[in-house]
PDB file of N, CA and C in Angstrom:
ATOM      1  N   MET A   1     120.816 104.952  94.972  1.00  0.00           N
ATOM      2  CA  MET A   1     119.852 104.313  94.095  1.00  0.00           C
ATOM      3  C   MET A   1     120.131 104.795  92.676  1.00  0.00           C
ATOM      4  N   GLY A   2     120.180 103.854  91.745  1.00  0.00           N
ATOM      5  CA  GLY A   2     120.428 104.202  90.360  1.00  0.00           C
ATOM      6  C   GLY A   2     119.224 104.891  89.736  1.00  0.00           C
ATOM      7  N   ARG A   3     119.464 105.527  88.599  1.00  0.00           N
ATOM      8  CA  ARG A   3     118.387 106.265  87.928  1.00  0.00           C
ATOM      9  C   ARG A   3     117.223 105.357  87.514  1.00  0.00           C
ATOM     10  N   ILE A   4     117.531 104.176  87.046  1.00  0.00           N
ATOM     11  CA  ILE A   4     116.464 103.262  86.610  1.00  0.00           C
ATOM     12  C   ILE A   4     115.639 102.804  87.814  1.00  0.00           C
ATOM     13  N   ALA A   5     116.305 102.440  88.896  1.00  0.00           N
ATOM     14  CA  ALA A   5     115.588 102.019  90.104  1.00  0.00           C
ATOM     15  C   ALA A   5     114.745 103.174  90.643  1.00  0.00           C
ATOM     16  N   TYR A   6     115.287 104.377  90.605  1.00  0.00           N
ATOM     17  CA  TYR A   6     114.553 105.556  91.064  1.00  0.00           C
ATOM     18  C   TYR A   6     113.313 105.779  90.200  1.00  0.00           C
ATOM     19  N   ALA A   7     113.443 105.629  88.889  1.00  0.00           N
ATOM     20  CA  ALA A   7     112.319 105.811  87.968  1.00  0.00           C
ATOM     21  C   ALA A   7     111.227 104.780  88.248  1.00  0.00           C
ATOM     22  N   PHE A   8     111.611 103.533  88.483  1.00  0.00           N
ATOM     23  CA  PHE A   8     110.620 102.495  88.795  1.00  0.00           C
ATOM     24  C   PHE A   8     109.929 102.777  90.130  1.00  0.00           C
ATOM     25  N   ALA A   9     110.685 103.209  91.130  1.00  0.00           N
ATOM     26  CA  ALA A   9     110.103 103.523  92.436  1.00  0.00           C
ATOM     27  C   ALA A   9     109.124 104.686  92.318  1.00  0.00           C
ATOM     28  N   LEU A  10     109.494 105.690  91.543  1.00  0.00           N
ATOM     29  CA  LEU A  10     108.614 106.841  91.347  1.00  0.00           C
ATOM     30  C   LEU A  10     107.348 106.433  90.598  1.00  0.00           C
ATOM     31  N   ALA A  11     107.480 105.613  89.568  1.00  0.00           N
ATOM     32  CA  ALA A  11     106.318 105.139  88.812  1.00  0.00           C
ATOM     33  C   ALA A  11     105.392 104.312  89.694  1.00  0.00           C
ATOM     34  N   ALA A  12     105.944 103.470  90.530  1.00  0.00           N
ATOM     35  CA  ALA A  12     105.125 102.648  91.433  1.00  0.00           C
ATOM     36  C   ALA A  12     104.356 103.535  92.409  1.00  0.00           C
ATOM     37  N   LEU A  13     104.999 104.576  92.898  1.00  0.00           N
ATOM     38  CA  LEU A  13     104.350 105.491  93.828  1.00  0.00           C
ATOM     39  C   LEU A  13     103.212 106.232  93.141  1.00  0.00           C
ATOM     40  N   VAL A  14     103.447 106.734  91.943  1.00  0.00           N
ATOM     41  CA  VAL A  14     102.435 107.501  91.231  1.00  0.00           C
ATOM     42  C   VAL A  14     101.284 106.608  90.771  1.00  0.00           C
ATOM     43  N   LEU A  15     101.590 105.461  90.198  1.00  0.00           N
ATOM     44  CA  LEU A  15     100.557 104.597  89.646  1.00  0.00           C
ATOM     45  C   LEU A  15      99.839 103.760  90.694  1.00  0.00           C
ATOM     46  N   GLY A  16     100.527 103.398  91.753  1.00  0.00           N
ATOM     47  CA  GLY A  16      99.921 102.509  92.741  1.00  0.00           C
ATOM     48  C   GLY A  16      99.672 103.176  94.068  1.00  0.00           C
ATOM     49  N   GLY A  17      99.734 104.502  94.114  1.00  0.00           N
ATOM     50  CA  GLY A  17      99.564 105.228  95.360  1.00  0.00           C
ATOM     51  C   GLY A  17      98.111 105.259  95.805  1.00  0.00           C
ATOM     52  N   PRO A  18      97.849 105.940  96.893  1.00  0.00           N
ATOM     53  CA  PRO A  18      96.486 106.020  97.411  1.00  0.00           C
ATOM     54  C   PRO A  18      95.566 106.765  96.442  1.00  0.00           C
ATOM     55  N   ALA A  19      94.272 106.552  96.591  1.00  0.00           N
ATOM     56  CA  ALA A  19      93.295 107.189  95.714  1.00  0.00           C
ATOM     57  C   ALA A  19      93.403 108.706  95.822  1.00  0.00           C
ATOM     58  N   ARG A  20      93.330 109.362  94.683  1.00  0.00           N
ATOM     59  CA  ARG A  20      93.388 110.817  94.646  1.00  0.00           C
ATOM     60  C   ARG A  20      91.989 111.376  94.860  1.00  0.00           C
ATOM     61  N   ALA A  21      91.931 112.666  95.196  1.00  0.00           N
ATOM     62  CA  ALA A  21      90.641 113.309  95.456  1.00  0.00           C
ATOM     63  C   ALA A  21      89.696 113.187  94.275  1.00  0.00           C
ATOM     64  N   GLU A  22      90.220 113.295  93.042  1.00  0.00           N
ATOM     65  CA  GLU A  22      89.329 113.207  91.884  1.00  0.00           C
ATOM     66  C   GLU A  22      88.833 111.785  91.631  1.00  0.00           C
ATOM     67  N   ASP A  23      89.407 110.791  92.311  1.00  0.00           N
ATOM     68  CA  ASP A  23      88.976 109.403  92.162  1.00  0.00           C
ATOM     69  C   ASP A  23      87.862 109.016  93.128  1.00  0.00           C
ATOM     70  N   MET A  24      87.605 109.832  94.152  1.00  0.00           N
ATOM     71  CA  MET A  24      86.599 109.452  95.138  1.00  0.00           C
ATOM     72  C   MET A  24      85.195 109.799  94.635  1.00  0.00           C
ATOM     73  N   PRO A  25      84.194 109.033  95.083  1.00  0.00           N
ATOM     74  CA  PRO A  25      82.812 109.328  94.678  1.00  0.00           C
ATOM     75  C   PRO A  25      82.395 110.719  95.154  1.00  0.00           C
ATOM     76  N   VAL A  26      81.645 111.414  94.311  1.00  0.00           N
ATOM     77  CA  VAL A  26      81.112 112.736  94.648  1.00  0.00           C
ATOM     78  C   VAL A  26      79.593 112.624  94.657  1.00  0.00           C
ATOM     79  N   ILE A  27      78.995 112.948  95.786  1.00  0.00           N
ATOM     80  CA  ILE A  27      77.548 112.903  95.939  1.00  0.00           C
ATOM     81  C   ILE A  27      77.069 114.352  96.026  1.00  0.00           C
ATOM     82  N   LYS A  28      76.129 114.722  95.168  1.00  0.00           N
ATOM     83  CA  LYS A  28      75.665 116.111  95.097  1.00  0.00           C
ATOM     84  C   LYS A  28      74.375 116.293  95.875  1.00  0.00           C
ATOM     85  N   VAL A  29      74.341 117.392  96.624  1.00  0.00           N
ATOM     86  CA  VAL A  29      73.172 117.753  97.429  1.00  0.00           C
ATOM     87  C   VAL A  29      72.844 119.205  97.109  1.00  0.00           C
ATOM     88  N   GLU A  30      71.557 119.485  96.962  1.00  0.00           N
ATOM     89  CA  GLU A  30      71.107 120.852  96.707  1.00  0.00           C
ATOM     90  C   GLU A  30      70.311 121.340  97.906  1.00  0.00           C
ATOM     91  N   MET A  31      70.571 122.581  98.303  1.00  0.00           N
ATOM     92  CA  MET A  31      69.794 123.220  99.356  1.00  0.00           C
ATOM     93  C   MET A  31      69.142 124.441  98.725  1.00  0.00           C
ATOM     94  N   ARG A  32      67.800 124.556  98.905  1.00  0.00           N
ATOM     95  CA  ARG A  32      67.089 125.637  98.247  1.00  0.00           C
ATOM     96  C   ARG A  32      66.010 126.197  99.160  1.00  0.00           C
ATOM     97  N   ASP A  33      66.302 127.279  99.847  1.00  0.00           N
ATOM     98  CA  ASP A  33      65.321 128.020 100.652  1.00  0.00           C
ATOM     99  C   ASP A  33      64.439 127.124 101.517  1.00  0.00           C
ATOM    100  N   GLY A  34      65.063 126.271 102.312  1.00  0.00           N
ATOM    101  CA  GLY A  34      64.311 125.423 103.245  1.00  0.00           C
ATOM    102  C   GLY A  34      64.023 124.031 102.742  1.00  0.00           C
ATOM    103  N   THR A  35      64.671 123.630 101.657  1.00  0.00           N
ATOM    104  CA  THR A  35      64.504 122.288 101.122  1.00  0.00           C
ATOM    105  C   THR A  35      65.872 121.668 100.894  1.00  0.00           C
ATOM    106  N   ILE A  36      66.033 120.398 101.264  1.00  0.00           N
ATOM    107  CA  ILE A  36      67.260 119.644 100.986  1.00  0.00           C
ATOM    108  C   ILE A  36      66.894 118.597  99.946  1.00  0.00           C
ATOM    109  N   ILE A  37      67.632 118.616  98.828  1.00  0.00           N
ATOM    110  CA  ILE A  37      67.350 117.719  97.706  1.00  0.00           C
ATOM    111  C   ILE A  37      68.606 116.906  97.399  1.00  0.00           C
ATOM    112  N   PRO A  38      68.525 115.577  97.438  1.00  0.00           N
ATOM    113  CA  PRO A  38      67.354 114.749  97.762  1.00  0.00           C
ATOM    114  C   PRO A  38      67.144 114.688  99.270  1.00  0.00           C
ATOM    115  N   ASP A  39      65.973 114.246  99.677  1.00  0.00           N
ATOM    116  CA  ASP A  39      65.716 114.134 101.121  1.00  0.00           C
ATOM    117  C   ASP A  39      66.282 112.848 101.708  1.00  0.00           C
ATOM    118  N   VAL A  40      66.664 111.904 100.838  1.00  0.00           N
ATOM    119  CA  VAL A  40      67.420 110.715 101.251  1.00  0.00           C
ATOM    120  C   VAL A  40      68.705 110.723 100.431  1.00  0.00           C
ATOM    121  N   ILE A  41      69.821 110.946 101.105  1.00  0.00           N
ATOM    122  CA  ILE A  41      71.127 111.074 100.453  1.00  0.00           C
ATOM    123  C   ILE A  41      71.869 109.756 100.642  1.00  0.00           C
ATOM    124  N   GLU A  42      72.038 109.004  99.562  1.00  0.00           N
ATOM    125  CA  GLU A  42      72.725 107.713  99.652  1.00  0.00           C
ATOM    126  C   GLU A  42      74.209 107.898  99.374  1.00  0.00           C
ATOM    127  N   VAL A  43      75.027 107.361 100.291  1.00  0.00           N
ATOM    128  CA  VAL A  43      76.485 107.467 100.176  1.00  0.00           C
ATOM    129  C   VAL A  43      77.101 106.094 100.407  1.00  0.00           C
ATOM    130  N   PRO A  44      78.334 105.885  99.917  1.00  0.00           N
ATOM    131  CA  PRO A  44      78.976 104.589 100.153  1.00  0.00           C
ATOM    132  C   PRO A  44      79.491 104.482 101.586  1.00  0.00           C
ATOM    133  N   ALA A  45      79.248 103.358 102.221  1.00  0.00           N
ATOM    134  CA  ALA A  45      79.778 103.106 103.566  1.00  0.00           C
ATOM    135  C   ALA A  45      81.219 102.630 103.440  1.00  0.00           C
ATOM    136  N   ASN A  46      82.001 102.896 104.454  1.00  0.00           N
ATOM    137  CA  ASN A  46      83.389 102.427 104.551  1.00  0.00           C
ATOM    138  C   ASN A  46      84.238 102.843 103.354  1.00  0.00           C
ATOM    139  N   THR A  47      83.926 103.985 102.754  1.00  0.00           N
ATOM    140  CA  THR A  47      84.638 104.486 101.581  1.00  0.00           C
ATOM    141  C   THR A  47      84.786 105.996 101.701  1.00  0.00           C
ATOM    142  N   ARG A  48      85.932 106.497 101.329  1.00  0.00           N
ATOM    143  CA  ARG A  48      86.143 107.943 101.302  1.00  0.00           C
ATOM    144  C   ARG A  48      85.271 108.529 100.192  1.00  0.00           C
ATOM    145  N   PHE A  49      84.543 109.626 100.496  1.00  0.00           N
ATOM    146  CA  PHE A  49      83.702 110.274  99.493  1.00  0.00           C
ATOM    147  C   PHE A  49      83.596 111.760  99.776  1.00  0.00           C
ATOM    148  N   LYS A  50      83.145 112.483  98.750  1.00  0.00           N
ATOM    149  CA  LYS A  50      82.961 113.924  98.873  1.00  0.00           C
ATOM    150  C   LYS A  50      81.482 114.243  98.723  1.00  0.00           C
ATOM    151  N   LEU A  51      80.957 115.035  99.645  1.00  0.00           N
ATOM    152  CA  LEU A  51      79.594 115.531  99.573  1.00  0.00           C
ATOM    153  C   LEU A  51      79.686 116.959  99.049  1.00  0.00           C
ATOM    154  N   GLU A  52      79.203 117.178  97.818  1.00  0.00           N
ATOM    155  CA  GLU A  52      79.227 118.513  97.212  1.00  0.00           C
ATOM    156  C   GLU A  52      77.867 119.156  97.444  1.00  0.00           C
ATOM    157  N   ILE A  53      77.865 120.285  98.134  1.00  0.00           N
ATOM    158  CA  ILE A  53      76.622 120.936  98.544  1.00  0.00           C
ATOM    159  C   ILE A  53      76.500 122.266  97.821  1.00  0.00           C
ATOM    160  N   SER A  54      75.367 122.459  97.134  1.00  0.00           N
ATOM    161  CA  SER A  54      75.099 123.707  96.423  1.00  0.00           C
ATOM    162  C   SER A  54      73.868 124.369  97.017  1.00  0.00           C
ATOM    163  N   ASN A  55      73.985 125.649  97.324  1.00  0.00           N
ATOM    164  CA  ASN A  55      72.837 126.415  97.790  1.00  0.00           C
ATOM    165  C   ASN A  55      72.301 127.183  96.586  1.00  0.00           C
ATOM    166  N   THR A  56      71.223 126.680  95.995  1.00  0.00           N
ATOM    167  CA  THR A  56      70.631 127.310  94.819  1.00  0.00           C
ATOM    168  C   THR A  56      69.528 128.294  95.193  1.00  0.00           C
ATOM    169  N   GLY A  57      69.316 128.482  96.473  1.00  0.00           N
ATOM    170  CA  GLY A  57      68.263 129.378  96.939  1.00  0.00           C
ATOM    171  C   GLY A  57      68.730 130.820  97.026  1.00  0.00           C
ATOM    172  N   LYS A  58      67.817 131.657  97.541  1.00  0.00           N
ATOM    173  CA  LYS A  58      68.089 133.090  97.675  1.00  0.00           C
ATOM    174  C   LYS A  58      68.450 133.488  99.097  1.00  0.00           C
ATOM    175  N   SER A  59      68.469 132.502 100.011  1.00  0.00           N
ATOM    176  CA  SER A  59      68.811 132.775 101.407  1.00  0.00           C
ATOM    177  C   SER A  59      69.965 131.857 101.815  1.00  0.00           C
ATOM    178  N   PRO A  60      70.691 132.215 102.880  1.00  0.00           N
ATOM    179  CA  PRO A  60      71.773 131.346 103.342  1.00  0.00           C
ATOM    180  C   PRO A  60      71.237 129.994 103.801  1.00  0.00           C
ATOM    181  N   ALA A  61      72.112 129.006 103.797  1.00  0.00           N
ATOM    182  CA  ALA A  61      71.756 127.659 104.244  1.00  0.00           C
ATOM    183  C   ALA A  61      72.929 127.096 105.036  1.00  0.00           C
ATOM    184  N   GLU A  62      72.632 126.159 105.921  1.00  0.00           N
ATOM    185  CA  GLU A  62      73.695 125.476 106.663  1.00  0.00           C
ATOM    186  C   GLU A  62      73.385 123.990 106.724  1.00  0.00           C
ATOM    187  N   PHE A  63      74.179 123.208 106.011  1.00  0.00           N
ATOM    188  CA  PHE A  63      74.073 121.758 106.046  1.00  0.00           C
ATOM    189  C   PHE A  63      74.698 121.318 107.360  1.00  0.00           C
ATOM    190  N   GLU A  64      73.929 120.602 108.176  1.00  0.00           N
ATOM    191  CA  GLU A  64      74.444 120.221 109.494  1.00  0.00           C
ATOM    192  C   GLU A  64      73.956 118.843 109.900  1.00  0.00           C
ATOM    193  N   SER A  65      74.828 118.121 110.629  1.00  0.00           N
ATOM    194  CA  SER A  65      74.472 116.846 111.237  1.00  0.00           C
ATOM    195  C   SER A  65      75.136 116.761 112.601  1.00  0.00           C
ATOM    196  N   THR A  66      74.311 116.665 113.624  1.00  0.00           N
ATOM    197  CA  THR A  66      74.829 116.522 114.986  1.00  0.00           C
ATOM    198  C   THR A  66      75.529 115.178 115.140  1.00  0.00           C
ATOM    199  N   GLU A  67      74.923 114.126 114.586  1.00  0.00           N
ATOM    200  CA  GLU A  67      75.485 112.768 114.697  1.00  0.00           C
ATOM    201  C   GLU A  67      76.849 112.659 114.015  1.00  0.00           C
ATOM    202  N   LEU A  68      76.979 113.311 112.861  1.00  0.00           N
ATOM    203  CA  LEU A  68      78.231 113.231 112.104  1.00  0.00           C
ATOM    204  C   LEU A  68      79.242 114.292 112.535  1.00  0.00           C
ATOM    205  N   LYS A  69      78.787 115.237 113.359  1.00  0.00           N
ATOM    206  CA  LYS A  69      79.640 116.330 113.823  1.00  0.00           C
ATOM    207  C   LYS A  69      80.219 117.109 112.639  1.00  0.00           C
ATOM    208  N   ARG A  70      79.332 117.426 111.692  1.00  0.00           N
ATOM    209  CA  ARG A  70      79.729 118.168 110.493  1.00  0.00           C
ATOM    210  C   ARG A  70      78.728 119.289 110.242  1.00  0.00           C
ATOM    211  N   GLU A  71      79.238 120.405 109.755  1.00  0.00           N
ATOM    212  CA  GLU A  71      78.368 121.493 109.340  1.00  0.00           C
ATOM    213  C   GLU A  71      79.091 122.321 108.280  1.00  0.00           C
ATOM    214  N   LYS A  72      78.283 122.904 107.392  1.00  0.00           N
ATOM    215  CA  LYS A  72      78.833 123.724 106.322  1.00  0.00           C
ATOM    216  C   LYS A  72      77.822 124.815 106.010  1.00  0.00           C
ATOM    217  N   ALA A  73      78.196 126.072 106.279  1.00  0.00           N
ATOM    218  CA  ALA A  73      77.330 127.209 105.981  1.00  0.00           C
ATOM    219  C   ALA A  73      77.619 127.677 104.558  1.00  0.00           C
ATOM    220  N   LEU A  74      76.535 128.029 103.845  1.00  0.00           N
ATOM    221  CA  LEU A  74      76.663 128.453 102.455  1.00  0.00           C
ATOM    222  C   LEU A  74      75.836 129.702 102.200  1.00  0.00           C
ATOM    223  N   ALA A  75      76.443 130.690 101.566  1.00  0.00           N
ATOM    224  CA  ALA A  75      75.704 131.867 101.126  1.00  0.00           C
ATOM    225  C   ALA A  75      74.831 131.471  99.946  1.00  0.00           C
ATOM    226  N   ALA A  76      73.851 132.282  99.633  1.00  0.00           N
ATOM    227  CA  ALA A  76      73.002 132.034  98.468  1.00  0.00           C
ATOM    228  C   ALA A  76      73.881 131.941  97.224  1.00  0.00           C
ATOM    229  N   GLY A  77      73.667 130.899  96.423  1.00  0.00           N
ATOM    230  CA  GLY A  77      74.429 130.707  95.194  1.00  0.00           C
ATOM    231  C   GLY A  77      75.783 130.037  95.360  1.00  0.00           C
ATOM    232  N   ALA A  78      76.167 129.699  96.572  1.00  0.00           N
ATOM    233  CA  ALA A  78      77.486 129.113  96.835  1.00  0.00           C
ATOM    234  C   ALA A  78      77.461 127.592  96.732  1.00  0.00           C
ATOM    235  N   THR A  79      78.631 127.036  96.425  1.00  0.00           N
ATOM    236  CA  THR A  79      78.839 125.585  96.413  1.00  0.00           C
ATOM    237  C   THR A  79      80.095 125.288  97.212  1.00  0.00           C
ATOM    238  N   SER A  80      80.040 124.250  98.028  1.00  0.00           N
ATOM    239  CA  SER A  80      81.194 123.839  98.814  1.00  0.00           C
ATOM    240  C   SER A  80      81.126 122.323  98.994  1.00  0.00           C
ATOM    241  N   ALA A  81      82.128 121.770  99.660  1.00  0.00           N
ATOM    242  CA  ALA A  81      82.169 120.314  99.825  1.00  0.00           C
ATOM    243  C   ALA A  81      82.656 119.927 101.211  1.00  0.00           C
ATOM    244  N   ILE A  82      82.242 118.735 101.620  1.00  0.00           N
ATOM    245  CA  ILE A  82      82.728 118.103 102.842  1.00  0.00           C
ATOM    246  C   ILE A  82      83.261 116.739 102.421  1.00  0.00           C
ATOM    247  N   VAL A  83      84.503 116.429 102.800  1.00  0.00           N
ATOM    248  CA  VAL A  83      85.076 115.120 102.496  1.00  0.00           C
ATOM    249  C   VAL A  83      84.965 114.248 103.747  1.00  0.00           C
ATOM    250  N   PHE A  84      84.406 113.061 103.549  1.00  0.00           N
ATOM    251  CA  PHE A  84      84.280 112.086 104.627  1.00  0.00           C
ATOM    252  C   PHE A  84      85.323 111.004 104.388  1.00  0.00           C
ATOM    253  N   ARG A  85      86.164 110.738 105.375  1.00  0.00           N
ATOM    254  CA  ARG A  85      87.178 109.685 105.228  1.00  0.00           C
ATOM    255  C   ARG A  85      86.508 108.329 105.087  1.00  0.00           C
ATOM    256  N   THR A  86      85.650 107.994 106.002  1.00  0.00           N
ATOM    257  CA  THR A  86      84.812 106.795 105.920  1.00  0.00           C
ATOM    258  C   THR A  86      83.596 107.041 106.793  1.00  0.00           C
ATOM    259  N   LEU A  87      82.573 106.257 106.558  1.00  0.00           N
ATOM    260  CA  LEU A  87      81.358 106.378 107.343  1.00  0.00           C
ATOM    261  C   LEU A  87      80.814 104.978 107.566  1.00  0.00           C
ATOM    262  N   ASP A  88      80.496 104.651 108.803  1.00  0.00           N
ATOM    263  CA  ASP A  88      79.914 103.342 109.106  1.00  0.00           C
ATOM    264  C   ASP A  88      78.529 103.238 108.470  1.00  0.00           C
ATOM    265  N   PRO A  89      78.121 102.024 108.079  1.00  0.00           N
ATOM    266  CA  PRO A  89      76.772 101.852 107.554  1.00  0.00           C
ATOM    267  C   PRO A  89      75.747 102.344 108.571  1.00  0.00           C
ATOM    268  N   GLY A  90      74.714 103.001 108.068  1.00  0.00           N
ATOM    269  CA  GLY A  90      73.669 103.489 108.959  1.00  0.00           C
ATOM    270  C   GLY A  90      72.934 104.671 108.388  1.00  0.00           C
ATOM    271  N   ARG A  91      72.030 105.214 109.206  1.00  0.00           N
ATOM    272  CA  ARG A  91      71.218 106.373 108.828  1.00  0.00           C
ATOM    273  C   ARG A  91      71.594 107.532 109.741  1.00  0.00           C
ATOM    274  N   TYR A  92      71.774 108.695 109.148  1.00  0.00           N
ATOM    275  CA  TYR A  92      72.193 109.881 109.883  1.00  0.00           C
ATOM    276  C   TYR A  92      71.282 111.047 109.514  1.00  0.00           C
ATOM    277  N   ASP A  93      70.774 111.738 110.529  1.00  0.00           N
ATOM    278  CA  ASP A  93      69.909 112.893 110.282  1.00  0.00           C
ATOM    279  C   ASP A  93      70.745 114.098 109.903  1.00  0.00           C
ATOM    280  N   VAL A  94      70.267 114.851 108.912  1.00  0.00           N
ATOM    281  CA  VAL A  94      70.886 116.121 108.527  1.00  0.00           C
ATOM    282  C   VAL A  94      69.776 117.165 108.452  1.00  0.00           C
ATOM    283  N   PHE A  95      70.160 118.441 108.604  1.00  0.00           N
ATOM    284  CA  PHE A  95      69.169 119.505 108.577  1.00  0.00           C
ATOM    285  C   PHE A  95      69.827 120.807 108.141  1.00  0.00           C
ATOM    286  N   ASP A  96      68.985 121.781 107.841  1.00  0.00           N
ATOM    287  CA  ASP A  96      69.436 123.127 107.494  1.00  0.00           C
ATOM    288  C   ASP A  96      69.225 123.979 108.731  1.00  0.00           C
ATOM    289  N   ASP A  97      70.293 124.420 109.347  1.00  0.00           N
ATOM    290  CA  ASP A  97      70.200 125.164 110.601  1.00  0.00           C
ATOM    291  C   ASP A  97      69.481 126.508 110.429  1.00  0.00           C
ATOM    292  N   PHE A  98      69.478 127.070 109.213  1.00  0.00           N
ATOM    293  CA  PHE A  98      68.782 128.326 108.959  1.00  0.00           C
ATOM    294  C   PHE A  98      67.295 128.119 108.661  1.00  0.00           C
ATOM    295  N   HIS A  99      66.914 126.913 108.295  1.00  0.00           N
ATOM    296  CA  HIS A  99      65.520 126.579 107.988  1.00  0.00           C
ATOM    297  C   HIS A  99      65.165 125.305 108.762  1.00  0.00           C
ATOM    298  N   PRO A 100      64.665 125.437 109.998  1.00  0.00           N
ATOM    299  CA  PRO A 100      64.458 124.284 110.891  1.00  0.00           C
ATOM    300  C   PRO A 100      63.587 123.166 110.332  1.00  0.00           C
ATOM    301  N   ASP A 101      62.693 123.461 109.390  1.00  0.00           N
ATOM    302  CA  ASP A 101      61.837 122.408 108.829  1.00  0.00           C
ATOM    303  C   ASP A 101      62.526 121.603 107.735  1.00  0.00           C
ATOM    304  N   ALA A 102      63.682 122.056 107.260  1.00  0.00           N
ATOM    305  CA  ALA A 102      64.399 121.360 106.189  1.00  0.00           C
ATOM    306  C   ALA A 102      65.212 120.228 106.802  1.00  0.00           C
ATOM    307  N   LYS A 103      64.803 119.001 106.489  1.00  0.00           N
ATOM    308  CA  LYS A 103      65.468 117.815 107.049  1.00  0.00           C
ATOM    309  C   LYS A 103      65.705 116.810 105.932  1.00  0.00           C
ATOM    310  N   ALA A 104      66.725 115.974 106.133  1.00  0.00           N
ATOM    311  CA  ALA A 104      67.013 114.902 105.199  1.00  0.00           C
ATOM    312  C   ALA A 104      67.691 113.776 105.997  1.00  0.00           C
ATOM    313  N   THR A 105      67.853 112.642 105.342  1.00  0.00           N
ATOM    314  CA  THR A 105      68.534 111.512 105.955  1.00  0.00           C
ATOM    315  C   THR A 105      69.688 111.106 105.052  1.00  0.00           C
ATOM    316  N   LEU A 106      70.867 110.979 105.627  1.00  0.00           N
ATOM    317  CA  LEU A 106      72.025 110.484 104.900  1.00  0.00           C
ATOM    318  C   LEU A 106      72.126 108.998 105.222  1.00  0.00           C
ATOM    319  N   VAL A 107      72.108 108.153 104.191  1.00  0.00           N
ATOM    320  CA  VAL A 107      72.131 106.700 104.373  1.00  0.00           C
ATOM    321  C   VAL A 107      73.440 106.164 103.795  1.00  0.00           C
ATOM    322  N   ALA A 108      74.268 105.590 104.669  1.00  0.00           N
ATOM    323  CA  ALA A 108      75.518 104.967 104.239  1.00  0.00           C
ATOM    324  C   ALA A 108      75.289 103.477 104.111  1.00  0.00           C
ATOM    325  N   LYS A 109      75.521 102.952 102.895  1.00  0.00           N
ATOM    326  CA  LYS A 109      75.356 101.510 102.700  1.00  0.00           C
ATOM    327  C   LYS A 109      76.371 100.975 101.714  1.00  0.00           C
TER     328      LYS A 109
END
């Protein structure tokens, strides 16, 4: 392959390649000592997205969903993320495993 053809192939790959992580929607969730904010988390259905979870409380928290088979434990003051490849439209229950009364609903639409 000649240099010009190689340059065009490389440009096509870089410019027309799959979406990068920084291009995907980021949905922020806060967990604070037994509270999940917001209590209704709206996310895009059938789209790759990142759920950024921050524990702003003084106790540990664990974002968990049995239906989604996802969980993320966070120390006080920590922030982490879960990337979802795609999610079917619907409603999914989420909770804080360390604070049983803390519940929210993730809505994919």
